[in-house]
Amino acid sequence: MRSKKQTWMLPAAFLLLMLVAGFFLYPYLTSALRAGVSAVMVVLSVLAYLLAAIALPLGLFALLKFGYSVFARPYIRLRRIERIRQQRYLREAVNRGRFKVIVNPHRANSDQRPSPPAAEP
């Protein structure tokens, strides 16, 4: 835990740094105010555009991450669990002998192919 002596040192250091920066930047601030508000407004608008160019993609990324974690991740997990469960059910059914083992995985059923029709005389 900080002592009372240390709690006021950090704000005092920031205040001192602000005063030093104000002292060194005073000529620039006064010249900007003398030149008019337009130069300051140009700087502020450029900073606003930079903030928008950085903050908007980060906000979009945060929204996409939230949407994935709430909607897509449970759906993908459910599909994976269902696939594992269906494989287990099929394996158990094959072991019980209710279904034929599919030899050719490209065909939908495992019945033998029908014989070709007899040639006409």
PDB file of N, CA and C in Angstrom:
ATOM      1  N   MET A   1       0.831  -1.165   0.000  1.00  0.00           N
ATOM      2  CA  MET A   1       0.000   0.000   0.000  1.00  0.00           C
ATOM      3  C   MET A   1       0.886   1.243   0.000  1.00  0.00           C
ATOM      4  N   ARG A   2       0.469   2.229  -0.780  1.00  0.00           N
ATOM      5  CA  ARG A   2       1.284   3.436  -0.873  1.00  0.00           C
ATOM      6  C   ARG A   2       1.081   4.325   0.350  1.00  0.00           C
ATOM      7  N   SER A   3       2.132   5.014   0.664  1.00  0.00           N
ATOM      8  CA  SER A   3       2.010   5.965   1.761  1.00  0.00           C
ATOM      9  C   SER A   3       1.418   7.266   1.237  1.00  0.00           C
ATOM     10  N   LYS A   4       1.019   8.137   2.154  1.00  0.00           N
ATOM     11  CA  LYS A   4       0.438   9.419   1.742  1.00  0.00           C
ATOM     12  C   LYS A   4       1.460  10.287   1.020  1.00  0.00           C
ATOM     13  N   LYS A   5       2.706  10.052   1.335  1.00  0.00           N
ATOM     14  CA  LYS A   5       3.765  10.819   0.696  1.00  0.00           C
ATOM     15  C   LYS A   5       3.849  10.491  -0.795  1.00  0.00           C
ATOM     16  N   GLN A   6       3.626   9.246  -1.154  1.00  0.00           N
ATOM     17  CA  GLN A   6       3.751   8.823  -2.554  1.00  0.00           C
ATOM     18  C   GLN A   6       2.484   9.099  -3.356  1.00  0.00           C
ATOM     19  N   THR A   7       1.334   9.245  -2.729  1.00  0.00           N
ATOM     20  CA  THR A   7       0.100   9.418  -3.480  1.00  0.00           C
ATOM     21  C   THR A   7       0.022  10.765  -4.173  1.00  0.00           C
ATOM     22  N   TRP A   8       0.607  11.795  -3.635  1.00  0.00           N
ATOM     23  CA  TRP A   8       0.523  13.105  -4.274  1.00  0.00           C
ATOM     24  C   TRP A   8       1.697  13.370  -5.198  1.00  0.00           C
ATOM     25  N   MET A   9       2.711  12.491  -5.185  1.00  0.00           N
ATOM     26  CA  MET A   9       3.889  12.731  -6.015  1.00  0.00           C
ATOM     27  C   MET A   9       3.592  12.562  -7.509  1.00  0.00           C
ATOM     28  N   LEU A  10       2.788  11.592  -7.860  1.00  0.00           N
ATOM     29  CA  LEU A  10       2.489  11.358  -9.279  1.00  0.00           C
ATOM     30  C   LEU A  10       1.677  12.509  -9.876  1.00  0.00           C
ATOM     31  N   PRO A  11       0.578  12.969  -9.263  1.00  0.00           N
ATOM     32  CA  PRO A  11      -0.115  14.136  -9.817  1.00  0.00           C
ATOM     33  C   PRO A  11       0.756  15.393  -9.835  1.00  0.00           C
ATOM     34  N   ALA A  12       1.616  15.531  -8.836  1.00  0.00           N
ATOM     35  CA  ALA A  12       2.512  16.692  -8.817  1.00  0.00           C
ATOM     36  C   ALA A  12       3.494  16.618  -9.976  1.00  0.00           C
ATOM     37  N   ALA A  13       3.985  15.435 -10.281  1.00  0.00           N
ATOM     38  CA  ALA A  13       4.913  15.268 -11.404  1.00  0.00           C
ATOM     39  C   ALA A  13       4.212  15.579 -12.727  1.00  0.00           C
ATOM     40  N   PHE A  14       2.969  15.137 -12.883  1.00  0.00           N
ATOM     41  CA  PHE A  14       2.223  15.454 -14.111  1.00  0.00           C
ATOM     42  C   PHE A  14       1.978  16.961 -14.224  1.00  0.00           C
ATOM     43  N   LEU A  15       1.625  17.607 -13.137  1.00  0.00           N
ATOM     44  CA  LEU A  15       1.400  19.046 -13.156  1.00  0.00           C
ATOM     45  C   LEU A  15       2.678  19.788 -13.521  1.00  0.00           C
ATOM     46  N   LEU A  16       3.791  19.334 -12.983  1.00  0.00           N
ATOM     47  CA  LEU A  16       5.081  19.950 -13.295  1.00  0.00           C
ATOM     48  C   LEU A  16       5.423  19.767 -14.770  1.00  0.00           C
ATOM     49  N   LEU A  17       5.197  18.575 -15.291  1.00  0.00           N
ATOM     50  CA  LEU A  17       5.453  18.341 -16.716  1.00  0.00           C
ATOM     51  C   LEU A  17       4.544  19.193 -17.594  1.00  0.00           C
ATOM     52  N   MET A  18       3.298  19.381 -17.185  1.00  0.00           N
ATOM     53  CA  MET A  18       2.384  20.230 -17.962  1.00  0.00           C
ATOM     54  C   MET A  18       2.849  21.684 -17.950  1.00  0.00           C
ATOM     55  N   LEU A  19       3.313  22.150 -16.815  1.00  0.00           N
ATOM     56  CA  LEU A  19       3.814  23.528 -16.740  1.00  0.00           C
ATOM     57  C   LEU A  19       5.060  23.716 -17.598  1.00  0.00           C
ATOM     58  N   VAL A  20       5.963  22.740 -17.578  1.00  0.00           N
ATOM     59  CA  VAL A  20       7.172  22.820 -18.404  1.00  0.00           C
ATOM     60  C   VAL A  20       6.816  22.800 -19.888  1.00  0.00           C
ATOM     61  N   ALA A  21       5.885  21.913 -20.258  1.00  0.00           N
ATOM     62  CA  ALA A  21       5.463  21.863 -21.666  1.00  0.00           C
ATOM     63  C   ALA A  21       4.769  23.151 -22.064  1.00  0.00           C
ATOM     64  N   GLY A  22       3.952  23.711 -21.189  1.00  0.00           N
ATOM     65  CA  GLY A  22       3.300  24.996 -21.483  1.00  0.00           C
ATOM     66  C   GLY A  22       4.310  26.119 -21.631  1.00  0.00           C
ATOM     67  N   PHE A  23       5.358  26.095 -20.803  1.00  0.00           N
ATOM     68  CA  PHE A  23       6.387  27.136 -20.897  1.00  0.00           C
ATOM     69  C   PHE A  23       7.115  27.062 -22.237  1.00  0.00           C
ATOM     70  N   PHE A  24       7.472  25.829 -22.663  1.00  0.00           N
ATOM     71  CA  PHE A  24       8.215  25.701 -23.916  1.00  0.00           C
ATOM     72  C   PHE A  24       7.318  25.867 -25.143  1.00  0.00           C
ATOM     73  N   LEU A  25       6.052  25.516 -25.028  1.00  0.00           N
ATOM     74  CA  LEU A  25       5.152  25.618 -26.170  1.00  0.00           C
ATOM     75  C   LEU A  25       4.353  26.915 -26.189  1.00  0.00           C
ATOM     76  N   TYR A  26       4.586  27.826 -25.243  1.00  0.00           N
ATOM     77  CA  TYR A  26       3.819  29.063 -25.173  1.00  0.00           C
ATOM     78  C   TYR A  26       3.924  29.894 -26.453  1.00  0.00           C
ATOM     79  N   PRO A  27       5.114  30.052 -27.051  1.00  0.00           N
ATOM     80  CA  PRO A  27       5.172  30.845 -28.296  1.00  0.00           C
ATOM     81  C   PRO A  27       4.348  30.218 -29.421  1.00  0.00           C
ATOM     82  N   TYR A  28       4.360  28.907 -29.512  1.00  0.00           N
ATOM     83  CA  TYR A  28       3.600  28.259 -30.573  1.00  0.00           C
ATOM     84  C   TYR A  28       2.095  28.399 -30.336  1.00  0.00           C
ATOM     85  N   LEU A  29       1.685  28.302 -29.085  1.00  0.00           N
ATOM     86  CA  LEU A  29       0.264  28.441 -28.771  1.00  0.00           C
ATOM     87  C   LEU A  29      -0.224  29.856 -29.043  1.00  0.00           C
ATOM     88  N   THR A  30       0.559  30.839 -28.656  1.00  0.00           N
ATOM     89  CA  THR A  30       0.131  32.222 -28.892  1.00  0.00           C
ATOM     90  C   THR A  30       0.128  32.549 -30.374  1.00  0.00           C
ATOM     91  N   SER A  31       1.097  32.053 -31.124  1.00  0.00           N
ATOM     92  CA  SER A  31       1.108  32.323 -32.565  1.00  0.00           C
ATOM     93  C   SER A  31      -0.061  31.628 -33.253  1.00  0.00           C
ATOM     94  N   ALA A  32      -0.429  30.457 -32.791  1.00  0.00           N
ATOM     95  CA  ALA A  32      -1.584  29.773 -33.373  1.00  0.00           C
ATOM     96  C   ALA A  32      -2.865  30.537 -33.078  1.00  0.00           C
ATOM     97  N   LEU A  33      -2.968  31.076 -31.871  1.00  0.00           N
ATOM     98  CA  LEU A  33      -4.158  31.859 -31.535  1.00  0.00           C
ATOM     99  C   LEU A  33      -4.178  33.185 -32.285  1.00  0.00           C
ATOM    100  N   ARG A  34      -3.004  33.772 -32.518  1.00  0.00           N
ATOM    101  CA  ARG A  34      -2.952  35.003 -33.300  1.00  0.00           C
ATOM    102  C   ARG A  34      -3.280  34.737 -34.762  1.00  0.00           C
ATOM    103  N   ALA A  35      -2.826  33.610 -35.292  1.00  0.00           N
ATOM    104  CA  ALA A  35      -3.081  33.299 -36.701  1.00  0.00           C
ATOM    105  C   ALA A  35      -4.547  33.007 -36.930  1.00  0.00           C
ATOM    106  N   GLY A  36      -5.216  32.616 -35.894  1.00  0.00           N
ATOM    107  CA  GLY A  36      -6.637  32.338 -36.037  1.00  0.00           C
ATOM    108  C   GLY A  36      -6.921  30.909 -35.623  1.00  0.00           C
ATOM    109  N   VAL A  37      -8.175  30.655 -35.505  1.00  0.00           N
ATOM    110  CA  VAL A  37      -8.596  29.345 -35.042  1.00  0.00           C
ATOM    111  C   VAL A  37      -8.535  28.328 -36.174  1.00  0.00           C
ATOM    112  N   SER A  38      -8.426  28.778 -37.401  1.00  0.00           N
ATOM    113  CA  SER A  38      -8.472  27.852 -38.540  1.00  0.00           C
ATOM    114  C   SER A  38      -7.320  26.850 -38.507  1.00  0.00           C
ATOM    115  N   ALA A  39      -6.125  27.302 -38.142  1.00  0.00           N
ATOM    116  CA  ALA A  39      -4.985  26.381 -38.093  1.00  0.00           C
ATOM    117  C   ALA A  39      -5.194  25.334 -37.010  1.00  0.00           C
ATOM    118  N   VAL A  40      -5.721  25.752 -35.871  1.00  0.00           N
ATOM    119  CA  VAL A  40      -5.985  24.817 -34.788  1.00  0.00           C
ATOM    120  C   VAL A  40      -7.075  23.838 -35.202  1.00  0.00           C
ATOM    121  N   MET A  41      -8.094  24.363 -35.903  1.00  0.00           N
ATOM    122  CA  MET A  41      -9.174  23.489 -36.363  1.00  0.00           C
ATOM    123  C   MET A  41      -8.672  22.478 -37.392  1.00  0.00           C
ATOM    124  N   VAL A  42      -7.733  22.860 -38.232  1.00  0.00           N
ATOM    125  CA  VAL A  42      -7.156  21.913 -39.194  1.00  0.00           C
ATOM    126  C   VAL A  42      -6.442  20.797 -38.446  1.00  0.00           C
ATOM    127  N   VAL A  43      -5.667  21.149 -37.454  1.00  0.00           N
ATOM    128  CA  VAL A  43      -4.949  20.136 -36.672  1.00  0.00           C
ATOM    129  C   VAL A  43      -5.938  19.228 -35.951  1.00  0.00           C
ATOM    130  N   LEU A  44      -6.976  19.826 -35.345  1.00  0.00           N
ATOM    131  CA  LEU A  44      -7.962  19.015 -34.641  1.00  0.00           C
ATOM    132  C   LEU A  44      -8.737  18.099 -35.589  1.00  0.00           C
ATOM    133  N   SER A  45      -9.054  18.583 -36.775  1.00  0.00           N
ATOM    134  CA  SER A  45      -9.775  17.728 -37.726  1.00  0.00           C
ATOM    135  C   SER A  45      -8.893  16.588 -38.228  1.00  0.00           C
ATOM    136  N   VAL A  46      -7.609  16.860 -38.438  1.00  0.00           N
ATOM    137  CA  VAL A  46      -6.701  15.780 -38.847  1.00  0.00           C
ATOM    138  C   VAL A  46      -6.588  14.737 -37.735  1.00  0.00           C
ATOM    139  N   LEU A  47      -6.491  15.192 -36.492  1.00  0.00           N
ATOM    140  CA  LEU A  47      -6.445  14.250 -35.376  1.00  0.00           C
ATOM    141  C   LEU A  47      -7.748  13.463 -35.259  1.00  0.00           C
ATOM    142  N   ALA A  48      -8.873  14.113 -35.521  1.00  0.00           N
ATOM    143  CA  ALA A  48     -10.156  13.410 -35.473  1.00  0.00           C
ATOM    144  C   ALA A  48     -10.233  12.340 -36.561  1.00  0.00           C
ATOM    145  N   TYR A  49      -9.774  12.661 -37.764  1.00  0.00           N
ATOM    146  CA  TYR A  49      -9.774  11.663 -38.836  1.00  0.00           C
ATOM    147  C   TYR A  49      -8.838  10.494 -38.514  1.00  0.00           C
ATOM    148  N   LEU A  50      -7.684  10.792 -37.923  1.00  0.00           N
ATOM    149  CA  LEU A  50      -6.781   9.713 -37.531  1.00  0.00           C
ATOM    150  C   LEU A  50      -7.402   8.842 -36.448  1.00  0.00           C
ATOM    151  N   LEU A  51      -8.083   9.456 -35.501  1.00  0.00           N
ATOM    152  CA  LEU A  51      -8.764   8.690 -34.467  1.00  0.00           C
ATOM    153  C   LEU A  51      -9.839   7.794 -35.082  1.00  0.00           C
ATOM    154  N   ALA A  52     -10.599   8.340 -36.032  1.00  0.00           N
ATOM    155  CA  ALA A  52     -11.634   7.533 -36.684  1.00  0.00           C
ATOM    156  C   ALA A  52     -11.012   6.399 -37.497  1.00  0.00           C
ATOM    157  N   ALA A  53      -9.894   6.663 -38.141  1.00  0.00           N
ATOM    158  CA  ALA A  53      -9.253   5.622 -38.950  1.00  0.00           C
ATOM    159  C   ALA A  53      -8.697   4.509 -38.087  1.00  0.00           C
ATOM    160  N   ILE A  54      -8.374   4.804 -36.847  1.00  0.00           N
ATOM    161  CA  ILE A  54      -7.847   3.776 -35.954  1.00  0.00           C
ATOM    162  C   ILE A  54      -8.951   3.151 -35.116  1.00  0.00           C
ATOM    163  N   ALA A  55      -9.861   3.972 -34.600  1.00  0.00           N
ATOM    164  CA  ALA A  55     -10.871   3.472 -33.662  1.00  0.00           C
ATOM    165  C   ALA A  55     -11.964   2.659 -34.354  1.00  0.00           C
ATOM    166  N   LEU A  56     -12.380   3.050 -35.542  1.00  0.00           N
ATOM    167  CA  LEU A  56     -13.465   2.324 -36.207  1.00  0.00           C
ATOM    168  C   LEU A  56     -13.090   0.886 -36.570  1.00  0.00           C
ATOM    169  N   PRO A  57     -11.922   0.627 -37.155  1.00  0.00           N
ATOM    170  CA  PRO A  57     -11.576  -0.786 -37.393  1.00  0.00           C
ATOM    171  C   PRO A  57     -11.408  -1.588 -36.107  1.00  0.00           C
ATOM    172  N   LEU A  58     -10.877  -0.960 -35.057  1.00  0.00           N
ATOM    173  CA  LEU A  58     -10.755  -1.680 -33.791  1.00  0.00           C
ATOM    174  C   LEU A  58     -12.126  -1.985 -33.194  1.00  0.00           C
ATOM    175  N   GLY A  59     -13.067  -1.051 -33.325  1.00  0.00           N
ATOM    176  CA  GLY A  59     -14.423  -1.298 -32.855  1.00  0.00           C
ATOM    177  C   GLY A  59     -15.098  -2.398 -33.644  1.00  0.00           C
ATOM    178  N   LEU A  60     -14.897  -2.401 -34.959  1.00  0.00           N
ATOM    179  CA  LEU A  60     -15.458  -3.460 -35.796  1.00  0.00           C
ATOM    180  C   LEU A  60     -14.863  -4.810 -35.415  1.00  0.00           C
ATOM    181  N   PHE A  61     -13.565  -4.837 -35.167  1.00  0.00           N
ATOM    182  CA  PHE A  61     -12.926  -6.082 -34.749  1.00  0.00           C
ATOM    183  C   PHE A  61     -13.500  -6.583 -33.431  1.00  0.00           C
ATOM    184  N   ALA A  62     -13.741  -5.674 -32.493  1.00  0.00           N
ATOM    185  CA  ALA A  62     -14.306  -6.063 -31.197  1.00  0.00           C
ATOM    186  C   ALA A  62     -15.724  -6.608 -31.373  1.00  0.00           C
ATOM    187  N   LEU A  63     -16.511  -5.972 -32.234  1.00  0.00           N
ATOM    188  CA  LEU A  63     -17.871  -6.465 -32.474  1.00  0.00           C
ATOM    189  C   LEU A  63     -17.859  -7.834 -33.145  1.00  0.00           C
ATOM    190  N   LEU A  64     -16.968  -8.038 -34.102  1.00  0.00           N
ATOM    191  CA  LEU A  64     -16.879  -9.344 -34.764  1.00  0.00           C
ATOM    192  C   LEU A  64     -16.420 -10.423 -33.789  1.00  0.00           C
ATOM    193  N   LYS A  65     -15.501 -10.092 -32.925  1.00  0.00           N
ATOM    194  CA  LYS A  65     -15.043 -11.061 -31.919  1.00  0.00           C
ATOM    195  C   LYS A  65     -16.178 -11.428 -30.971  1.00  0.00           C
ATOM    196  N   PHE A  66     -16.970 -10.440 -30.571  1.00  0.00           N
ATOM    197  CA  PHE A  66     -18.115 -10.701 -29.698  1.00  0.00           C
ATOM    198  C   PHE A  66     -19.143 -11.571 -30.420  1.00  0.00           C
ATOM    199  N   GLY A  67     -19.435 -11.247 -31.677  1.00  0.00           N
ATOM    200  CA  GLY A  67     -20.403 -12.031 -32.443  1.00  0.00           C
ATOM    201  C   GLY A  67     -19.944 -13.465 -32.630  1.00  0.00           C
ATOM    202  N   TYR A  68     -18.653 -13.651 -32.872  1.00  0.00           N
ATOM    203  CA  TYR A  68     -18.145 -15.011 -33.016  1.00  0.00           C
ATOM    204  C   TYR A  68     -18.275 -15.791 -31.714  1.00  0.00           C
ATOM    205  N   SER A  69     -17.923 -15.144 -30.607  1.00  0.00           N
ATOM    206  CA  SER A  69     -17.940 -15.869 -29.338  1.00  0.00           C
ATOM    207  C   SER A  69     -19.364 -16.175 -28.889  1.00  0.00           C
ATOM    208  N   VAL A  70     -20.331 -15.339 -29.246  1.00  0.00           N
ATOM    209  CA  VAL A  70     -21.707 -15.561 -28.799  1.00  0.00           C
ATOM    210  C   VAL A  70     -22.467 -16.474 -29.747  1.00  0.00           C
ATOM    211  N   PHE A  71     -22.292 -16.298 -31.053  1.00  0.00           N
ATOM    212  CA  PHE A  71     -23.112 -17.025 -32.017  1.00  0.00           C
ATOM    213  C   PHE A  71     -22.373 -18.166 -32.721  1.00  0.00           C
ATOM    214  N   ALA A  72     -21.224 -17.879 -33.310  1.00  0.00           N
ATOM    215  CA  ALA A  72     -20.570 -18.870 -34.166  1.00  0.00           C
ATOM    216  C   ALA A  72     -19.892 -19.986 -33.370  1.00  0.00           C
ATOM    217  N   ARG A  73     -19.228 -19.662 -32.285  1.00  0.00           N
ATOM    218  CA  ARG A  73     -18.503 -20.683 -31.537  1.00  0.00           C
ATOM    219  C   ARG A  73     -19.424 -21.763 -30.966  1.00  0.00           C
ATOM    220  N   PRO A  74     -20.564 -21.420 -30.356  1.00  0.00           N
ATOM    221  CA  PRO A  74     -21.458 -22.497 -29.892  1.00  0.00           C
ATOM    222  C   PRO A  74     -22.024 -23.331 -31.040  1.00  0.00           C
ATOM    223  N   TYR A  75     -22.314 -22.685 -32.182  1.00  0.00           N
ATOM    224  CA  TYR A  75     -22.840 -23.433 -33.317  1.00  0.00           C
ATOM    225  C   TYR A  75     -21.803 -24.418 -33.849  1.00  0.00           C
ATOM    226  N   ILE A  76     -20.559 -23.981 -33.975  1.00  0.00           N
ATOM    227  CA  ILE A  76     -19.494 -24.865 -34.460  1.00  0.00           C
ATOM    228  C   ILE A  76     -19.272 -26.008 -33.476  1.00  0.00           C
ATOM    229  N   ARG A  77     -19.319 -25.720 -32.191  1.00  0.00           N
ATOM    230  CA  ARG A  77     -19.151 -26.760 -31.176  1.00  0.00           C
ATOM    231  C   ARG A  77     -20.291 -27.769 -31.242  1.00  0.00           C
ATOM    232  N   LEU A  78     -21.512 -27.268 -31.425  1.00  0.00           N
ATOM    233  CA  LEU A  78     -22.663 -28.162 -31.540  1.00  0.00           C
ATOM    234  C   LEU A  78     -22.532 -29.076 -32.747  1.00  0.00           C
ATOM    235  N   ARG A  79     -22.111 -28.530 -33.886  1.00  0.00           N
ATOM    236  CA  ARG A  79     -21.927 -29.359 -35.087  1.00  0.00           C
ATOM    237  C   ARG A  79     -20.862 -30.427 -34.867  1.00  0.00           C
ATOM    238  N   ARG A  80     -19.782 -30.084 -34.203  1.00  0.00           N
ATOM    239  CA  ARG A  80     -18.712 -31.047 -33.942  1.00  0.00           C
ATOM    240  C   ARG A  80     -19.209 -32.167 -33.022  1.00  0.00           C
ATOM    241  N   ILE A  81     -19.943 -31.800 -31.981  1.00  0.00           N
ATOM    242  CA  ILE A  81     -20.479 -32.808 -31.067  1.00  0.00           C
ATOM    243  C   ILE A  81     -21.470 -33.709 -31.781  1.00  0.00           C
ATOM    244  N   GLU A  82     -22.335 -33.134 -32.625  1.00  0.00           N
ATOM    245  CA  GLU A  82     -23.299 -33.950 -33.379  1.00  0.00           C
ATOM    246  C   GLU A  82     -22.590 -34.907 -34.335  1.00  0.00           C
ATOM    247  N   ARG A  83     -21.536 -34.431 -34.984  1.00  0.00           N
ATOM    248  CA  ARG A  83     -20.802 -35.303 -35.902  1.00  0.00           C
ATOM    249  C   ARG A  83     -20.176 -36.473 -35.153  1.00  0.00           C
ATOM    250  N   ILE A  84     -19.574 -36.214 -34.012  1.00  0.00           N
ATOM    251  CA  ILE A  84     -18.982 -37.296 -33.212  1.00  0.00           C
ATOM    252  C   ILE A  84     -20.062 -38.262 -32.755  1.00  0.00           C
ATOM    253  N   ARG A  85     -21.203 -37.719 -32.325  1.00  0.00           N
ATOM    254  CA  ARG A  85     -22.295 -38.556 -31.841  1.00  0.00           C
ATOM    255  C   ARG A  85     -22.871 -39.424 -32.964  1.00  0.00           C
ATOM    256  N   GLN A  86     -23.033 -38.867 -34.152  1.00  0.00           N
ATOM    257  CA  GLN A  86     -23.563 -39.643 -35.275  1.00  0.00           C
ATOM    258  C   GLN A  86     -22.589 -40.746 -35.687  1.00  0.00           C
ATOM    259  N   GLN A  87     -21.304 -40.473 -35.663  1.00  0.00           N
ATOM    260  CA  GLN A  87     -20.322 -41.521 -35.971  1.00  0.00           C
ATOM    261  C   GLN A  87     -20.401 -42.649 -34.955  1.00  0.00           C
ATOM    262  N   ARG A  88     -20.564 -42.300 -33.694  1.00  0.00           N
ATOM    263  CA  ARG A  88     -20.681 -43.330 -32.662  1.00  0.00           C
ATOM    264  C   ARG A  88     -21.964 -44.143 -32.849  1.00  0.00           C
ATOM    265  N   TYR A  89     -23.070 -43.477 -33.150  1.00  0.00           N
ATOM    266  CA  TYR A  89     -24.322 -44.190 -33.378  1.00  0.00           C
ATOM    267  C   TYR A  89     -24.210 -45.142 -34.569  1.00  0.00           C
ATOM    268  N   LEU A  90     -23.583 -44.686 -35.656  1.00  0.00           N
ATOM    269  CA  LEU A  90     -23.426 -45.544 -36.839  1.00  0.00           C
ATOM    270  C   LEU A  90     -22.532 -46.735 -36.517  1.00  0.00           C
ATOM    271  N   ARG A  91     -21.475 -46.502 -35.771  1.00  0.00           N
ATOM    272  CA  ARG A  91     -20.577 -47.603 -35.406  1.00  0.00           C
ATOM    273  C   ARG A  91     -21.310 -48.634 -34.535  1.00  0.00           C
ATOM    274  N   GLU A  92     -22.111 -48.166 -33.609  1.00  0.00           N
ATOM    275  CA  GLU A  92     -22.876 -49.092 -32.778  1.00  0.00           C
ATOM    276  C   GLU A  92     -23.907 -49.862 -33.593  1.00  0.00           C
ATOM    277  N   ALA A  93     -24.553 -49.199 -34.568  1.00  0.00           N
ATOM    278  CA  ALA A  93     -25.539 -49.873 -35.405  1.00  0.00           C
ATOM    279  C   ALA A  93     -24.881 -50.930 -36.278  1.00  0.00           C
ATOM    280  N   VAL A  94     -23.695 -50.623 -36.790  1.00  0.00           N
ATOM    281  CA  VAL A  94     -22.976 -51.611 -37.605  1.00  0.00           C
ATOM    282  C   VAL A  94     -22.575 -52.793 -36.730  1.00  0.00           C
ATOM    283  N   ASN A  95     -22.142 -52.536 -35.518  1.00  0.00           N
ATOM    284  CA  ASN A  95     -21.757 -53.625 -34.622  1.00  0.00           C
ATOM    285  C   ASN A  95     -22.949 -54.502 -34.254  1.00  0.00           C
ATOM    286  N   ARG A  96     -24.125 -53.903 -34.161  1.00  0.00           N
ATOM    287  CA  ARG A  96     -25.318 -54.701 -33.870  1.00  0.00           C
ATOM    288  C   ARG A  96     -25.794 -55.479 -35.104  1.00  0.00           C
ATOM    289  N   GLY A  97     -25.332 -55.114 -36.275  1.00  0.00           N
ATOM    290  CA  GLY A  97     -25.676 -55.832 -37.493  1.00  0.00           C
ATOM    291  C   GLY A  97     -26.942 -55.351 -38.168  1.00  0.00           C
ATOM    292  N   ARG A  98     -27.403 -54.161 -37.839  1.00  0.00           N
ATOM    293  CA  ARG A  98     -28.634 -53.667 -38.470  1.00  0.00           C
ATOM    294  C   ARG A  98     -28.379 -53.090 -39.852  1.00  0.00           C
ATOM    295  N   PHE A  99     -27.216 -52.582 -40.087  1.00  0.00           N
ATOM    296  CA  PHE A  99     -26.919 -51.965 -41.365  1.00  0.00           C
ATOM    297  C   PHE A  99     -25.723 -52.653 -41.995  1.00  0.00           C
ATOM    298  N   LYS A 100     -25.680 -52.565 -43.312  1.00  0.00           N
ATOM    299  CA  LYS A 100     -24.529 -53.096 -44.029  1.00  0.00           C
ATOM    300  C   LYS A 100     -23.412 -52.059 -43.991  1.00  0.00           C
ATOM    301  N   VAL A 101     -22.216 -52.539 -44.023  1.00  0.00           N
ATOM    302  CA  VAL A 101     -21.075 -51.636 -44.046  1.00  0.00           C
ATOM    303  C   VAL A 101     -20.954 -51.081 -45.450  1.00  0.00           C
ATOM    304  N   ILE A 102     -20.815 -49.798 -45.555  1.00  0.00           N
ATOM    305  CA  ILE A 102     -20.692 -49.159 -46.859  1.00  0.00           C
ATOM    306  C   ILE A 102     -19.265 -49.373 -47.350  1.00  0.00           C
ATOM    307  N   VAL A 103     -19.156 -50.105 -48.465  1.00  0.00           N
ATOM    308  CA  VAL A 103     -17.840 -50.411 -49.003  1.00  0.00           C
ATOM    309  C   VAL A 103     -17.334 -49.237 -49.811  1.00  0.00           C
ATOM    310  N   ASN A 104     -18.195 -48.708 -50.657  1.00  0.00           N
ATOM    311  CA  ASN A 104     -17.806 -47.592 -51.498  1.00  0.00           C
ATOM    312  C   ASN A 104     -18.387 -46.314 -50.884  1.00  0.00           C
ATOM    313  N   PRO A 105     -17.563 -45.451 -50.336  1.00  0.00           N
ATOM    314  CA  PRO A 105     -18.112 -44.272 -49.661  1.00  0.00           C
ATOM    315  C   PRO A 105     -18.730 -43.267 -50.614  1.00  0.00           C
ATOM    316  N   HIS A 106     -18.480 -43.400 -51.932  1.00  0.00           N
ATOM    317  CA  HIS A 106     -19.032 -42.447 -52.884  1.00  0.00           C
ATOM    318  C   HIS A 106     -20.478 -42.773 -53.240  1.00  0.00           C
ATOM    319  N   ARG A 107     -20.911 -43.954 -52.908  1.00  0.00           N
ATOM    320  CA  ARG A 107     -22.294 -44.331 -53.212  1.00  0.00           C
ATOM    321  C   ARG A 107     -23.150 -44.150 -51.971  1.00  0.00           C
ATOM    322  N   ALA A 108     -24.417 -43.820 -52.174  1.00  0.00           N
ATOM    323  CA  ALA A 108     -25.302 -43.551 -51.052  1.00  0.00           C
ATOM    324  C   ALA A 108     -25.695 -44.829 -50.328  1.00  0.00           C
ATOM    325  N   ASN A 109     -25.892 -45.923 -51.030  1.00  0.00           N
ATOM    326  CA  ASN A 109     -26.276 -47.165 -50.356  1.00  0.00           C
ATOM    327  C   ASN A 109     -25.261 -48.249 -50.678  1.00  0.00           C
ATOM    328  N   SER A 110     -25.348 -49.350 -49.971  1.00  0.00           N
ATOM    329  CA  SER A 110     -24.356 -50.399 -50.149  1.00  0.00           C
ATOM    330  C   SER A 110     -24.932 -51.609 -50.887  1.00  0.00           C
ATOM    331  N   ASP A 111     -26.098 -51.461 -51.487  1.00  0.00           N
ATOM    332  CA  ASP A 111     -26.659 -52.568 -52.265  1.00  0.00           C
ATOM    333  C   ASP A 111     -25.806 -52.805 -53.499  1.00  0.00           C
ATOM    334  N   GLN A 112     -25.910 -54.016 -54.035  1.00  0.00           N
ATOM    335  CA  GLN A 112     -25.129 -54.314 -55.227  1.00  0.00           C
ATOM    336  C   GLN A 112     -25.772 -53.629 -56.426  1.00  0.00           C
ATOM    337  N   ARG A 113     -24.951 -53.356 -57.401  1.00  0.00           N
ATOM    338  CA  ARG A 113     -25.450 -52.698 -58.593  1.00  0.00           C
ATOM    339  C   ARG A 113     -26.364 -53.640 -59.360  1.00  0.00           C
ATOM    340  N   PRO A 114     -27.383 -53.068 -59.966  1.00  0.00           N
ATOM    341  CA  PRO A 114     -28.259 -53.940 -60.768  1.00  0.00           C
ATOM    342  C   PRO A 114     -27.506 -54.454 -61.990  1.00  0.00           C
ATOM    343  N   SER A 115     -27.851 -55.662 -62.383  1.00  0.00           N
ATOM    344  CA  SER A 115     -27.178 -56.226 -63.562  1.00  0.00           C
ATOM    345  C   SER A 115     -27.682 -55.525 -64.800  1.00  0.00           C
ATOM    346  N   PRO A 116     -26.865 -55.453 -65.831  1.00  0.00           N
ATOM    347  CA  PRO A 116     -27.292 -54.766 -67.062  1.00  0.00           C
ATOM    348  C   PRO A 116     -28.414 -55.575 -67.719  1.00  0.00           C
ATOM    349  N   PRO A 117     -29.280 -54.879 -68.441  1.00  0.00           N
ATOM    350  CA  PRO A 117     -30.376 -55.601 -69.112  1.00  0.00           C
ATOM    351  C   PRO A 117     -29.831 -56.553 -70.163  1.00  0.00           C
ATOM    352  N   ALA A 118     -30.572 -57.630 -70.353  1.00  0.00           N
ATOM    353  CA  ALA A 118     -30.159 -58.631 -71.349  1.00  0.00           C
ATOM    354  C   ALA A 118     -30.273 -58.027 -72.743  1.00  0.00           C
ATOM    355  N   ALA A 119     -29.381 -58.467 -73.589  1.00  0.00           N
ATOM    356  CA  ALA A 119     -29.376 -57.953 -74.965  1.00  0.00           C
ATOM    357  C   ALA A 119     -30.625 -58.443 -75.686  1.00  0.00           C
ATOM    358  N   GLU A 120     -31.238 -57.588 -76.502  1.00  0.00           N
ATOM    359  CA  GLU A 120     -32.463 -57.959 -77.226  1.00  0.00           C
ATOM    360  C   GLU A 120     -32.095 -58.803 -78.438  1.00  0.00           C
ATOM    361  N   PRO A 121     -32.938 -59.822 -78.736  1.00  0.00           N
ATOM    362  CA  PRO A 121     -32.600 -60.683 -79.897  1.00  0.00           C
ATOM    363  C   PRO A 121     -32.889 -60.043 -81.209  1.00  0.00           C
TER     364      PRO A 121
END
